[in-house]
Amino acid sequence: MKTLPKERRYETLSYLPPLSDAQIERQIHYVLEQGYFPAVEFNETSDPEVYYWTMWKLPMFDAKSTRAVLDEVQACRSEYPDCYIRVVGFDNVKQCQILSFIVHKPGSGGGYRY
């Protein structure tokens, strides 16, 4: 039986290979399709003890397309290239964060091009 190499895991999707641009776009499409409100957050570290990340802007309550969310991801990445950036989905009925996934790691070469 082969085990995974020893490296830091960030969230559920981090156990998969890095997401391609198309996969990131599909994940954001899923967030919008489910009626969740997307938001972009960033932080200098991704330690599991850090529960609160800085929100890039307010959640995107009026987002209708994946392009609008991806534009905000790119704007955040341009201003904070040395930070981890993630997209989260908020459920307004449950009033909590339903899902999140990292779209940018500092110094990452492959994937995460948005």
N, C-alpha and C. Protein backbone atom coordinates (compact mmCIF):
# COMPACT_ATOMS: atom_id res chain seq x y z
N MET A 1 0.84 -1.17 0.00
CA MET A 1 0.00 0.00 0.00
C MET A 1 0.89 1.24 0.00
N LYS A 2 0.60 2.17 -0.88
CA LYS A 2 1.39 3.40 -0.98
C LYS A 2 0.68 4.50 -0.20
N THR A 3 1.45 5.25 0.56
CA THR A 3 0.88 6.37 1.31
C THR A 3 1.19 7.66 0.58
N LEU A 4 0.46 8.70 0.94
CA LEU A 4 0.70 10.01 0.35
C LEU A 4 2.03 10.56 0.85
N PRO A 5 2.73 11.34 0.03
CA PRO A 5 3.97 11.96 0.50
C PRO A 5 3.66 12.94 1.63
N LYS A 6 4.63 13.10 2.51
CA LYS A 6 4.43 13.98 3.66
C LYS A 6 4.52 15.43 3.19
N GLU A 7 3.39 16.10 3.20
CA GLU A 7 3.32 17.52 2.86
C GLU A 7 2.07 18.08 3.50
N ARG A 8 2.05 19.40 3.64
CA ARG A 8 0.92 20.05 4.29
C ARG A 8 -0.33 19.95 3.43
N ARG A 9 -1.42 19.58 4.06
CA ARG A 9 -2.73 19.54 3.40
C ARG A 9 -3.54 20.72 3.93
N TYR A 10 -4.26 21.38 3.03
CA TYR A 10 -4.95 22.61 3.39
C TYR A 10 -6.44 22.39 3.63
N GLU A 11 -7.12 21.83 2.68
CA GLU A 11 -8.56 21.60 2.78
C GLU A 11 -8.88 20.34 2.01
N THR A 12 -10.14 20.01 1.92
CA THR A 12 -10.55 18.76 1.28
C THR A 12 -9.97 18.60 -0.12
N LEU A 13 -10.07 19.62 -0.95
CA LEU A 13 -9.59 19.50 -2.33
C LEU A 13 -8.08 19.44 -2.43
N SER A 14 -7.35 19.69 -1.34
CA SER A 14 -5.90 19.66 -1.42
C SER A 14 -5.37 18.24 -1.52
N TYR A 15 -6.22 17.25 -1.32
CA TYR A 15 -5.78 15.87 -1.49
C TYR A 15 -5.83 15.44 -2.95
N LEU A 16 -6.34 16.30 -3.81
CA LEU A 16 -6.36 16.07 -5.25
C LEU A 16 -5.19 16.81 -5.88
N PRO A 17 -4.85 16.50 -7.11
CA PRO A 17 -3.83 17.31 -7.79
C PRO A 17 -4.33 18.76 -7.89
N PRO A 18 -3.43 19.73 -8.08
CA PRO A 18 -3.87 21.13 -8.17
C PRO A 18 -4.96 21.29 -9.23
N LEU A 19 -5.94 22.12 -8.91
CA LEU A 19 -7.05 22.35 -9.82
C LEU A 19 -6.58 23.15 -11.03
N SER A 20 -7.07 22.76 -12.19
CA SER A 20 -6.79 23.54 -13.40
C SER A 20 -7.72 24.74 -13.42
N ASP A 21 -7.49 25.65 -14.35
CA ASP A 21 -8.36 26.82 -14.48
C ASP A 21 -9.80 26.41 -14.72
N ALA A 22 -10.00 25.42 -15.57
CA ALA A 22 -11.36 24.96 -15.88
C ALA A 22 -12.03 24.35 -14.66
N GLN A 23 -11.26 23.63 -13.84
CA GLN A 23 -11.83 23.02 -12.64
C GLN A 23 -12.18 24.08 -11.59
N ILE A 24 -11.34 25.09 -11.47
CA ILE A 24 -11.66 26.19 -10.56
C ILE A 24 -12.94 26.87 -11.01
N GLU A 25 -13.06 27.08 -12.29
CA GLU A 25 -14.26 27.72 -12.82
C GLU A 25 -15.50 26.87 -12.57
N ARG A 26 -15.38 25.55 -12.70
CA ARG A 26 -16.52 24.67 -12.43
C ARG A 26 -16.90 24.67 -10.95
N GLN A 27 -15.91 24.75 -10.07
CA GLN A 27 -16.21 24.80 -8.64
C GLN A 27 -16.96 26.09 -8.30
N ILE A 28 -16.53 27.20 -8.87
CA ILE A 28 -17.22 28.47 -8.64
C ILE A 28 -18.62 28.42 -9.23
N HIS A 29 -18.77 27.80 -10.40
CA HIS A 29 -20.09 27.64 -11.00
C HIS A 29 -21.00 26.84 -10.07
N TYR A 30 -20.46 25.81 -9.43
CA TYR A 30 -21.24 25.01 -8.48
C TYR A 30 -21.71 25.87 -7.30
N VAL A 31 -20.82 26.72 -6.79
CA VAL A 31 -21.19 27.61 -5.69
C VAL A 31 -22.38 28.48 -6.09
N LEU A 32 -22.30 29.07 -7.27
CA LEU A 32 -23.38 29.94 -7.75
C LEU A 32 -24.65 29.14 -8.04
N GLU A 33 -24.49 27.95 -8.59
CA GLU A 33 -25.64 27.11 -8.95
C GLU A 33 -26.42 26.69 -7.71
N GLN A 34 -25.73 26.48 -6.60
CA GLN A 34 -26.38 26.07 -5.36
C GLN A 34 -27.05 27.24 -4.63
N GLY A 35 -26.84 28.45 -5.13
CA GLY A 35 -27.43 29.62 -4.49
C GLY A 35 -26.60 30.17 -3.34
N TYR A 36 -25.36 29.70 -3.21
CA TYR A 36 -24.47 30.22 -2.17
C TYR A 36 -23.87 31.54 -2.63
N PHE A 37 -23.47 32.34 -1.67
CA PHE A 37 -22.83 33.62 -1.99
C PHE A 37 -21.31 33.43 -1.92
N PRO A 38 -20.59 33.65 -3.03
CA PRO A 38 -19.14 33.49 -3.01
C PRO A 38 -18.45 34.70 -2.38
N ALA A 39 -17.31 34.42 -1.79
CA ALA A 39 -16.46 35.48 -1.24
C ALA A 39 -15.01 35.04 -1.44
N VAL A 40 -14.13 36.01 -1.52
CA VAL A 40 -12.70 35.75 -1.69
C VAL A 40 -12.02 36.16 -0.39
N GLU A 41 -11.20 35.27 0.15
CA GLU A 41 -10.46 35.54 1.38
C GLU A 41 -8.98 35.29 1.15
N PHE A 42 -8.14 35.94 1.97
CA PHE A 42 -6.70 35.73 1.86
C PHE A 42 -6.08 35.72 3.24
N ASN A 43 -4.91 35.09 3.34
CA ASN A 43 -4.19 35.03 4.60
C ASN A 43 -2.73 34.72 4.31
N GLU A 44 -1.85 35.15 5.20
CA GLU A 44 -0.42 34.90 5.02
C GLU A 44 -0.06 33.45 5.27
N THR A 45 -0.82 32.78 6.12
CA THR A 45 -0.55 31.40 6.48
C THR A 45 -1.81 30.57 6.28
N SER A 46 -1.62 29.28 6.16
CA SER A 46 -2.78 28.40 6.03
C SER A 46 -2.83 27.40 7.18
N ASP A 47 -2.22 27.77 8.31
CA ASP A 47 -2.23 26.88 9.46
C ASP A 47 -3.65 26.52 9.87
N PRO A 48 -3.87 25.26 10.26
CA PRO A 48 -5.22 24.84 10.65
C PRO A 48 -5.75 25.59 11.87
N GLU A 49 -4.85 26.15 12.68
CA GLU A 49 -5.30 26.87 13.87
C GLU A 49 -5.89 28.24 13.54
N VAL A 50 -5.63 28.71 12.33
CA VAL A 50 -6.12 30.02 11.92
C VAL A 50 -7.50 29.84 11.28
N TYR A 51 -8.52 30.22 12.02
CA TYR A 51 -9.89 30.03 11.54
C TYR A 51 -10.39 31.21 10.72
N TYR A 52 -9.88 32.38 11.01
CA TYR A 52 -10.40 33.59 10.38
C TYR A 52 -9.40 34.15 9.38
N TRP A 53 -9.82 34.21 8.15
CA TRP A 53 -9.02 34.80 7.08
C TRP A 53 -9.57 36.19 6.81
N THR A 54 -8.75 37.04 6.21
CA THR A 54 -9.20 38.38 5.85
C THR A 54 -10.03 38.31 4.58
N MET A 55 -11.20 38.92 4.62
CA MET A 55 -12.07 38.91 3.45
C MET A 55 -11.60 40.00 2.48
N TRP A 56 -11.48 39.65 1.21
CA TRP A 56 -11.01 40.58 0.19
C TRP A 56 -11.98 41.74 0.06
N LYS A 57 -13.22 41.46 -0.09
CA LYS A 57 -14.29 42.46 -0.12
C LYS A 57 -15.49 41.81 0.55
N LEU A 58 -16.62 42.46 0.53
CA LEU A 58 -17.82 41.82 1.05
C LEU A 58 -18.17 40.61 0.19
N PRO A 59 -18.92 39.66 0.74
CA PRO A 59 -19.36 38.55 -0.11
C PRO A 59 -20.09 39.08 -1.34
N MET A 60 -20.00 38.35 -2.41
CA MET A 60 -20.55 38.80 -3.68
C MET A 60 -22.02 38.37 -3.78
N PHE A 61 -22.88 39.13 -3.13
CA PHE A 61 -24.30 38.80 -3.07
C PHE A 61 -24.97 38.87 -4.44
N ASP A 62 -24.43 39.66 -5.33
CA ASP A 62 -25.06 39.83 -6.63
C ASP A 62 -24.30 39.12 -7.77
N ALA A 63 -23.40 38.22 -7.44
CA ALA A 63 -22.62 37.53 -8.48
C ALA A 63 -23.53 36.60 -9.28
N LYS A 64 -23.51 36.77 -10.58
CA LYS A 64 -24.32 35.94 -11.48
C LYS A 64 -23.46 35.06 -12.37
N SER A 65 -22.17 35.40 -12.50
CA SER A 65 -21.31 34.63 -13.39
C SER A 65 -20.00 34.28 -12.70
N THR A 66 -19.39 33.23 -13.19
CA THR A 66 -18.09 32.84 -12.64
C THR A 66 -17.03 33.89 -12.96
N ARG A 67 -17.18 34.59 -14.07
CA ARG A 67 -16.20 35.61 -14.47
C ARG A 67 -16.09 36.70 -13.42
N ALA A 68 -17.21 37.12 -12.83
CA ALA A 68 -17.17 38.17 -11.80
C ALA A 68 -16.35 37.71 -10.59
N VAL A 69 -16.52 36.46 -10.20
CA VAL A 69 -15.77 35.93 -9.05
C VAL A 69 -14.30 35.78 -9.41
N LEU A 70 -14.01 35.26 -10.60
CA LEU A 70 -12.63 35.09 -11.02
C LEU A 70 -11.90 36.42 -11.17
N ASP A 71 -12.61 37.47 -11.57
CA ASP A 71 -12.00 38.80 -11.64
C ASP A 71 -11.58 39.27 -10.25
N GLU A 72 -12.40 38.99 -9.24
CA GLU A 72 -12.05 39.37 -7.87
C GLU A 72 -10.87 38.55 -7.35
N VAL A 73 -10.83 37.27 -7.72
CA VAL A 73 -9.69 36.43 -7.34
C VAL A 73 -8.41 37.01 -7.93
N GLN A 74 -8.47 37.39 -9.20
CA GLN A 74 -7.29 37.95 -9.86
C GLN A 74 -6.88 39.29 -9.23
N ALA A 75 -7.84 40.12 -8.88
CA ALA A 75 -7.52 41.40 -8.25
C ALA A 75 -6.87 41.18 -6.89
N CYS A 76 -7.38 40.23 -6.13
CA CYS A 76 -6.78 39.91 -4.83
C CYS A 76 -5.38 39.35 -5.01
N ARG A 77 -5.22 38.49 -5.98
CA ARG A 77 -3.90 37.89 -6.24
C ARG A 77 -2.88 38.94 -6.67
N SER A 78 -3.32 39.93 -7.44
CA SER A 78 -2.42 41.00 -7.88
C SER A 78 -1.93 41.83 -6.70
N GLU A 79 -2.81 42.06 -5.74
CA GLU A 79 -2.44 42.89 -4.60
C GLU A 79 -1.71 42.11 -3.51
N TYR A 80 -2.05 40.83 -3.36
CA TYR A 80 -1.43 40.00 -2.31
C TYR A 80 -0.86 38.71 -2.92
N PRO A 81 0.21 38.81 -3.71
CA PRO A 81 0.75 37.60 -4.37
C PRO A 81 1.42 36.63 -3.40
N ASP A 82 1.79 37.10 -2.21
CA ASP A 82 2.47 36.24 -1.24
C ASP A 82 1.53 35.66 -0.20
N CYS A 83 0.24 35.66 -0.49
CA CYS A 83 -0.75 35.13 0.45
C CYS A 83 -1.50 33.96 -0.17
N TYR A 84 -2.06 33.15 0.69
CA TYR A 84 -2.97 32.10 0.25
C TYR A 84 -4.31 32.76 -0.03
N ILE A 85 -4.96 32.34 -1.10
CA ILE A 85 -6.25 32.91 -1.47
C ILE A 85 -7.23 31.77 -1.64
N ARG A 86 -8.42 31.94 -1.08
CA ARG A 86 -9.44 30.91 -1.22
C ARG A 86 -10.78 31.53 -1.57
N VAL A 87 -11.62 30.72 -2.16
CA VAL A 87 -13.00 31.09 -2.45
C VAL A 87 -13.88 30.32 -1.48
N VAL A 88 -14.80 31.01 -0.85
CA VAL A 88 -15.73 30.36 0.08
C VAL A 88 -17.15 30.58 -0.41
N GLY A 89 -18.03 29.67 -0.02
CA GLY A 89 -19.44 29.79 -0.35
C GLY A 89 -20.26 29.87 0.93
N PHE A 90 -21.05 30.93 1.07
CA PHE A 90 -21.89 31.12 2.24
C PHE A 90 -23.33 30.76 1.92
N ASP A 91 -23.99 30.09 2.85
CA ASP A 91 -25.40 29.76 2.72
C ASP A 91 -26.18 30.74 3.57
N ASN A 92 -27.09 31.50 2.95
CA ASN A 92 -27.83 32.52 3.69
C ASN A 92 -28.94 31.91 4.55
N VAL A 93 -29.34 30.67 4.29
CA VAL A 93 -30.37 30.03 5.12
C VAL A 93 -29.73 29.49 6.39
N LYS A 94 -28.67 28.73 6.24
CA LYS A 94 -27.96 28.18 7.41
C LYS A 94 -27.09 29.21 8.10
N GLN A 95 -26.82 30.29 7.40
CA GLN A 95 -26.00 31.39 7.90
C GLN A 95 -24.61 30.92 8.34
N CYS A 96 -23.98 30.18 7.43
CA CYS A 96 -22.63 29.70 7.71
C CYS A 96 -21.89 29.45 6.40
N GLN A 97 -20.61 29.22 6.53
CA GLN A 97 -19.78 28.88 5.38
C GLN A 97 -20.01 27.41 5.06
N ILE A 98 -20.35 27.13 3.82
CA ILE A 98 -20.64 25.76 3.40
C ILE A 98 -19.41 25.07 2.83
N LEU A 99 -18.64 25.80 2.02
CA LEU A 99 -17.48 25.20 1.39
C LEU A 99 -16.42 26.25 1.16
N SER A 100 -15.20 25.78 1.00
CA SER A 100 -14.10 26.68 0.65
C SER A 100 -13.01 25.86 -0.04
N PHE A 101 -12.27 26.51 -0.89
CA PHE A 101 -11.15 25.85 -1.55
C PHE A 101 -10.12 26.90 -1.94
N ILE A 102 -8.87 26.49 -1.86
CA ILE A 102 -7.76 27.39 -2.15
C ILE A 102 -7.56 27.50 -3.66
N VAL A 103 -7.44 28.74 -4.14
CA VAL A 103 -7.23 28.96 -5.57
C VAL A 103 -5.85 29.54 -5.86
N HIS A 104 -5.11 29.90 -4.81
CA HIS A 104 -3.74 30.43 -5.02
C HIS A 104 -2.90 30.12 -3.80
N LYS A 105 -1.72 29.55 -4.05
CA LYS A 105 -0.72 29.35 -3.00
C LYS A 105 0.49 30.20 -3.37
N PRO A 106 1.11 30.86 -2.41
CA PRO A 106 2.30 31.66 -2.74
C PRO A 106 3.40 30.78 -3.30
N GLY A 107 3.97 31.25 -4.39
CA GLY A 107 5.07 30.52 -5.01
C GLY A 107 4.66 29.29 -5.77
N SER A 108 3.36 29.11 -6.01
CA SER A 108 2.93 27.93 -6.76
C SER A 108 3.21 28.13 -8.24
N GLY A 109 3.75 27.12 -8.85
CA GLY A 109 4.09 27.22 -10.25
C GLY A 109 2.96 26.73 -11.15
N GLY A 110 2.45 25.54 -10.86
CA GLY A 110 1.42 24.97 -11.72
C GLY A 110 0.03 25.23 -11.20
N GLY A 111 -0.94 25.24 -12.07
CA GLY A 111 -2.33 25.44 -11.67
C GLY A 111 -2.54 26.82 -11.08
N TYR A 112 -3.70 27.06 -10.58
CA TYR A 112 -4.02 28.29 -9.86
C TYR A 112 -3.58 29.53 -10.63
N ARG A 113 -3.91 29.62 -11.89
CA ARG A 113 -3.44 30.73 -12.70
C ARG A 113 -4.34 31.95 -12.63
N TYR A 114 -5.52 31.84 -12.04
CA TYR A 114 -6.40 33.00 -11.99
C TYR A 114 -5.88 34.05 -11.04
